[in-house]
Amino acid sequence: MRIAYPALIASPNQKAHTTHTAKNCGAFTLHGAAEEVAVPLRRLAGL
């Protein structure tokens, strides 16, 4: 099984949702799923 996991997060950070996303991806992988996380690029302000 292949899972695409869209995540609207800035990684790395110290918020709980980043840890939650990483734990979910790890659990899916342990159960035999191929995991792909899609994280949007963020542009730096002023560049």
PDB file of N, CA and C in Angstrom:
ATOM      1  N   MET A   1       0.848  -1.168   0.000  1.00  0.00           N
ATOM      2  CA  MET A   1       0.000   0.000   0.000  1.00  0.00           C
ATOM      3  C   MET A   1       0.893   1.229   0.000  1.00  0.00           C
ATOM      4  N   ARG A   2       0.495   2.235  -0.748  1.00  0.00           N
ATOM      5  CA  ARG A   2       1.245   3.478  -0.796  1.00  0.00           C
ATOM      6  C   ARG A   2       0.365   4.600  -0.275  1.00  0.00           C
ATOM      7  N   ILE A   3       0.900   5.412   0.632  1.00  0.00           N
ATOM      8  CA  ILE A   3       0.136   6.493   1.252  1.00  0.00           C
ATOM      9  C   ILE A   3       0.829   7.816   0.964  1.00  0.00           C
ATOM     10  N   ALA A   4       0.087   8.777   0.444  1.00  0.00           N
ATOM     11  CA  ALA A   4       0.566  10.153   0.291  1.00  0.00           C
ATOM     12  C   ALA A   4      -0.026  10.960   1.441  1.00  0.00           C
ATOM     13  N   TYR A   5       0.822  11.566   2.242  1.00  0.00           N
ATOM     14  CA  TYR A   5       0.392  12.260   3.456  1.00  0.00           C
ATOM     15  C   TYR A   5       0.680  13.750   3.275  1.00  0.00           C
ATOM     16  N   PRO A   6      -0.317  14.559   2.888  1.00  0.00           N
ATOM     17  CA  PRO A   6      -0.078  15.997   2.765  1.00  0.00           C
ATOM     18  C   PRO A   6      -0.043  16.642   4.145  1.00  0.00           C
ATOM     19  N   ALA A   7       0.974  17.425   4.397  1.00  0.00           N
ATOM     20  CA  ALA A   7       1.122  18.044   5.710  1.00  0.00           C
ATOM     21  C   ALA A   7       1.411  19.531   5.542  1.00  0.00           C
ATOM     22  N   LEU A   8       0.562  20.351   6.104  1.00  0.00           N
ATOM     23  CA  LEU A   8       0.766  21.794   6.056  1.00  0.00           C
ATOM     24  C   LEU A   8       1.516  22.225   7.310  1.00  0.00           C
ATOM     25  N   ILE A   9       2.786  21.851   7.373  1.00  0.00           N
ATOM     26  CA  ILE A   9       3.609  22.137   8.549  1.00  0.00           C
ATOM     27  C   ILE A   9       4.923  22.758   8.108  1.00  0.00           C
ATOM     28  N   ALA A  10       5.547  23.462   9.009  1.00  0.00           N
ATOM     29  CA  ALA A  10       6.913  23.916   8.823  1.00  0.00           C
ATOM     30  C   ALA A  10       7.773  22.963   9.645  1.00  0.00           C
ATOM     31  N   SER A  11       8.671  22.287   8.987  1.00  0.00           N
ATOM     32  CA  SER A  11       9.461  21.285   9.697  1.00  0.00           C
ATOM     33  C   SER A  11      10.936  21.616   9.559  1.00  0.00           C
ATOM     34  N   PRO A  12      11.706  21.555  10.582  1.00  0.00           N
ATOM     35  CA  PRO A  12      11.388  21.182  11.962  1.00  0.00           C
ATOM     36  C   PRO A  12      10.869  22.374  12.756  1.00  0.00           C
ATOM     37  N   ASN A  13      10.069  22.088  13.749  1.00  0.00           N
ATOM     38  CA  ASN A  13       9.630  23.103  14.708  1.00  0.00           C
ATOM     39  C   ASN A  13       9.322  22.413  16.030  1.00  0.00           C
ATOM     40  N   GLN A  14       8.856  23.175  17.000  1.00  0.00           N
ATOM     41  CA  GLN A  14       8.642  22.619  18.334  1.00  0.00           C
ATOM     42  C   GLN A  14       7.160  22.444  18.659  1.00  0.00           C
ATOM     43  N   LYS A  15       6.320  22.412  17.655  1.00  0.00           N
ATOM     44  CA  LYS A  15       4.886  22.254  17.863  1.00  0.00           C
ATOM     45  C   LYS A  15       4.496  20.780  17.842  1.00  0.00           C
ATOM     46  N   ALA A  16       3.367  20.478  18.431  1.00  0.00           N
ATOM     47  CA  ALA A  16       2.931  19.088  18.564  1.00  0.00           C
ATOM     48  C   ALA A  16       2.537  18.465  17.227  1.00  0.00           C
ATOM     49  N   HIS A  17       2.007  19.241  16.283  1.00  0.00           N
ATOM     50  CA  HIS A  17       1.539  18.636  15.046  1.00  0.00           C
ATOM     51  C   HIS A  17       2.678  18.082  14.199  1.00  0.00           C
ATOM     52  N   THR A  18       3.876  18.625  14.316  1.00  0.00           N
ATOM     53  CA  THR A  18       5.021  18.075  13.597  1.00  0.00           C
ATOM     54  C   THR A  18       5.392  16.707  14.153  1.00  0.00           C
ATOM     55  N   THR A  19       5.390  16.570  15.467  1.00  0.00           N
ATOM     56  CA  THR A  19       5.665  15.292  16.105  1.00  0.00           C
ATOM     57  C   THR A  19       4.586  14.279  15.758  1.00  0.00           C
ATOM     58  N   HIS A  20       3.345  14.714  15.738  1.00  0.00           N
ATOM     59  CA  HIS A  20       2.228  13.844  15.383  1.00  0.00           C
ATOM     60  C   HIS A  20       2.376  13.313  13.957  1.00  0.00           C
ATOM     61  N   THR A  21       2.759  14.162  13.027  1.00  0.00           N
ATOM     62  CA  THR A  21       2.958  13.748  11.637  1.00  0.00           C
ATOM     63  C   THR A  21       4.079  12.723  11.535  1.00  0.00           C
ATOM     64  N   ALA A  22       5.182  12.957  12.227  1.00  0.00           N
ATOM     65  CA  ALA A  22       6.306  12.019  12.192  1.00  0.00           C
ATOM     66  C   ALA A  22       5.920  10.669  12.803  1.00  0.00           C
ATOM     67  N   LYS A  23       5.191  10.676  13.900  1.00  0.00           N
ATOM     68  CA  LYS A  23       4.762   9.428  14.542  1.00  0.00           C
ATOM     69  C   LYS A  23       3.794   8.655  13.642  1.00  0.00           C
ATOM     70  N   ASN A  24       2.867   9.352  12.988  1.00  0.00           N
ATOM     71  CA  ASN A  24       1.943   8.692  12.068  1.00  0.00           C
ATOM     72  C   ASN A  24       2.695   8.041  10.914  1.00  0.00           C
ATOM     73  N   CYS A  25       3.642   8.746  10.341  1.00  0.00           N
ATOM     74  CA  CYS A  25       4.413   8.193   9.224  1.00  0.00           C
ATOM     75  C   CYS A  25       5.196   6.960   9.669  1.00  0.00           C
ATOM     76  N   GLY A  26       5.765   7.002  10.850  1.00  0.00           N
ATOM     77  CA  GLY A  26       6.484   5.846  11.381  1.00  0.00           C
ATOM     78  C   GLY A  26       5.575   4.649  11.592  1.00  0.00           C
ATOM     79  N   ALA A  27       4.368   4.893  12.094  1.00  0.00           N
ATOM     80  CA  ALA A  27       3.415   3.804  12.323  1.00  0.00           C
ATOM     81  C   ALA A  27       2.947   3.190  11.012  1.00  0.00           C
ATOM     82  N   PHE A  28       2.699   4.011  10.008  1.00  0.00           N
ATOM     83  CA  PHE A  28       2.300   3.490   8.701  1.00  0.00           C
ATOM     84  C   PHE A  28       3.402   2.622   8.113  1.00  0.00           C
ATOM     85  N   THR A  29       4.643   3.048   8.255  1.00  0.00           N
ATOM     86  CA  THR A  29       5.777   2.302   7.719  1.00  0.00           C
ATOM     87  C   THR A  29       5.950   0.965   8.436  1.00  0.00           C
ATOM     88  N   LEU A  30       5.744   0.938   9.745  1.00  0.00           N
ATOM     89  CA  LEU A  30       5.859  -0.313  10.498  1.00  0.00           C
ATOM     90  C   LEU A  30       4.837  -1.351  10.052  1.00  0.00           C
ATOM     91  N   HIS A  31       3.714  -0.884   9.537  1.00  0.00           N
ATOM     92  CA  HIS A  31       2.661  -1.793   9.080  1.00  0.00           C
ATOM     93  C   HIS A  31       2.761  -2.101   7.591  1.00  0.00           C
ATOM     94  N   GLY A  32       3.880  -1.743   6.972  1.00  0.00           N
ATOM     95  CA  GLY A  32       4.137  -2.145   5.597  1.00  0.00           C
ATOM     96  C   GLY A  32       3.715  -1.171   4.518  1.00  0.00           C
ATOM     97  N   ALA A  33       3.330   0.030   4.865  1.00  0.00           N
ATOM     98  CA  ALA A  33       2.917   1.009   3.857  1.00  0.00           C
ATOM     99  C   ALA A  33       4.112   1.825   3.396  1.00  0.00           C
ATOM    100  N   ALA A  34       4.148   2.144   2.119  1.00  0.00           N
ATOM    101  CA  ALA A  34       5.154   3.066   1.592  1.00  0.00           C
ATOM    102  C   ALA A  34       4.629   4.476   1.827  1.00  0.00           C
ATOM    103  N   GLU A  35       5.429   5.314   2.439  1.00  0.00           N
ATOM    104  CA  GLU A  35       4.990   6.627   2.890  1.00  0.00           C
ATOM    105  C   GLU A  35       5.657   7.722   2.077  1.00  0.00           C
ATOM    106  N   GLU A  36       4.877   8.726   1.701  1.00  0.00           N
ATOM    107  CA  GLU A  36       5.405   9.919   1.042  1.00  0.00           C
ATOM    108  C   GLU A  36       4.743  11.126   1.679  1.00  0.00           C
ATOM    109  N   VAL A  37       5.549  12.003   2.279  1.00  0.00           N
ATOM    110  CA  VAL A  37       5.024  13.193   2.948  1.00  0.00           C
ATOM    111  C   VAL A  37       5.230  14.391   2.026  1.00  0.00           C
ATOM    112  N   ALA A  38       4.165  15.134   1.762  1.00  0.00           N
ATOM    113  CA  ALA A  38       4.232  16.324   0.927  1.00  0.00           C
ATOM    114  C   ALA A  38       4.129  17.551   1.819  1.00  0.00           C
ATOM    115  N   VAL A  39       5.213  18.325   1.884  1.00  0.00           N
ATOM    116  CA  VAL A  39       5.259  19.531   2.705  1.00  0.00           C
ATOM    117  C   VAL A  39       5.503  20.712   1.772  1.00  0.00           C
ATOM    118  N   PRO A  40       4.664  21.753   1.825  1.00  0.00           N
ATOM    119  CA  PRO A  40       4.852  22.899   0.935  1.00  0.00           C
ATOM    120  C   PRO A  40       6.118  23.675   1.283  1.00  0.00           C
ATOM    121  N   LEU A  41       6.746  24.206   0.245  1.00  0.00           N
ATOM    122  CA  LEU A  41       7.924  25.048   0.458  1.00  0.00           C
ATOM    123  C   LEU A  41       7.477  26.407   0.967  1.00  0.00           C
ATOM    124  N   ARG A  42       8.248  26.953   1.867  1.00  0.00           N
ATOM    125  CA  ARG A  42       7.946  28.290   2.372  1.00  0.00           C
ATOM    126  C   ARG A  42       9.053  29.229   1.929  1.00  0.00           C
ATOM    127  N   ARG A  43       8.651  30.376   1.452  1.00  0.00           N
ATOM    128  CA  ARG A  43       9.630  31.376   1.022  1.00  0.00           C
ATOM    129  C   ARG A  43      10.014  32.234   2.217  1.00  0.00           C
ATOM    130  N   LEU A  44      11.267  32.584   2.266  1.00  0.00           N
ATOM    131  CA  LEU A  44      11.737  33.446   3.344  1.00  0.00           C
ATOM    132  C   LEU A  44      11.297  34.884   3.060  1.00  0.00           C
ATOM    133  N   ALA A  45      10.882  35.589   4.096  1.00  0.00           N
ATOM    134  CA  ALA A  45      10.427  36.970   3.926  1.00  0.00           C
ATOM    135  C   ALA A  45      11.587  37.860   3.510  1.00  0.00           C
ATOM    136  N   GLY A  46      11.335  38.713   2.553  1.00  0.00           N
ATOM    137  CA  GLY A  46      12.350  39.668   2.121  1.00  0.00           C
ATOM    138  C   GLY A  46      13.286  39.145   1.043  1.00  0.00           C
ATOM    139  N   LEU A  47      13.099  37.918   0.576  1.00  0.00           N
ATOM    140  CA  LEU A  47      13.990  37.398  -0.472  1.00  0.00           C
ATOM    141  C   LEU A  47      13.283  37.339  -1.786  1.00  0.00           C
TER     142      LEU A  47
END
